[in-house]
């Protein structure tokens, strides 16, 4: 069975298998390395989504050209 990894936002440590309260966890992630990057990945996603929202609000959605 594949192991899941979780990033604990309170301790800032990676857990193998869910060990802590859900309120303190991000994941699951397929690898320890992915879990270690949880905050960085979340930041990158938020930046990308904020930019997509900005373009959508301004009517400048580049994805429309691809549909």
Protein backbone atom coordinates (compact mmCIF):
# COMPACT_ATOMS: atom_id res chain seq x y z
CA UNK A 1 0.00 0.00 0.00
CA UNK A 2 1.32 3.44 -0.95
CA UNK A 3 2.21 5.77 1.87
CA UNK A 4 0.72 9.23 2.13
CA UNK A 5 2.70 12.15 3.48
CA UNK A 6 1.24 15.16 5.24
CA UNK A 7 2.66 18.57 6.08
CA UNK A 8 1.87 19.69 9.63
CA UNK A 9 1.42 23.47 9.59
CA UNK A 10 1.83 23.71 13.36
CA UNK A 11 5.10 21.80 13.69
CA UNK A 12 6.24 22.45 10.09
CA UNK A 13 7.24 18.80 9.83
CA UNK A 14 6.29 16.06 7.39
CA UNK A 15 4.30 13.16 8.80
CA UNK A 16 4.23 9.71 7.26
CA UNK A 17 0.58 8.77 7.43
CA UNK A 18 -1.91 11.05 9.14
CA UNK A 19 -0.84 11.42 12.75
CA UNK A 20 -2.16 14.83 13.74
CA UNK A 21 -5.45 16.67 13.79
CA UNK A 22 -6.82 17.51 10.34
CA UNK A 23 -6.87 21.21 11.21
CA UNK A 24 -3.07 21.25 11.19
CA UNK A 25 -2.45 19.21 8.05
CA UNK A 26 -1.97 19.82 4.35
CA UNK A 27 -2.10 16.84 2.04
CA UNK A 28 -1.95 14.04 1.38
CA UNK A 29 1.10 14.16 -0.85
CA UNK A 30 2.56 11.20 -2.76
CA UNK A 31 6.13 11.80 -1.61
CA UNK A 32 7.98 13.24 1.37
CA UNK A 33 9.56 15.83 -0.94
CA UNK A 34 6.16 17.03 -2.18
CA UNK A 35 4.95 17.35 1.41
CA UNK A 36 8.06 19.34 2.32
CA UNK A 37 7.14 21.80 -0.45
CA UNK A 38 3.51 22.13 0.70
CA UNK A 39 3.66 25.80 1.66
CA UNK A 40 5.66 26.73 -1.43
CA UNK A 41 3.23 24.84 -3.66
CA UNK A 42 0.24 26.50 -1.97
CA UNK A 43 1.84 29.92 -2.49
CA UNK A 44 2.53 29.20 -6.17
CA UNK A 45 -1.04 27.99 -6.71
CA UNK A 46 -2.50 31.04 -4.97
CA UNK A 47 -0.38 33.38 -7.11
CA UNK A 48 -1.48 31.59 -10.30
CA UNK A 49 -5.16 31.58 -9.31
CA UNK A 50 -5.04 35.26 -8.32
CA UNK A 51 -3.61 36.09 -11.75
CA UNK A 52 -6.29 34.00 -13.48
CA UNK A 53 -8.98 35.79 -11.44
CA UNK A 54 -7.51 39.17 -12.36
CA UNK A 55 -7.51 38.31 -16.06
CA UNK A 56 -11.07 36.99 -15.86
CA UNK A 57 -12.31 40.15 -14.10
CA UNK A 58 -10.62 42.31 -16.71
CA UNK A 59 -11.95 40.22 -19.58
CA UNK A 60 -8.47 39.23 -20.61
CA UNK A 61 -8.75 35.45 -20.28
CA UNK A 62 -6.14 33.94 -22.60
CA UNK A 63 -7.77 30.52 -22.17
CA UNK A 64 -10.78 31.76 -24.20
CA UNK A 65 -8.60 31.73 -27.33
CA UNK A 66 -7.95 28.03 -26.87
CA UNK A 67 -11.61 27.00 -26.68
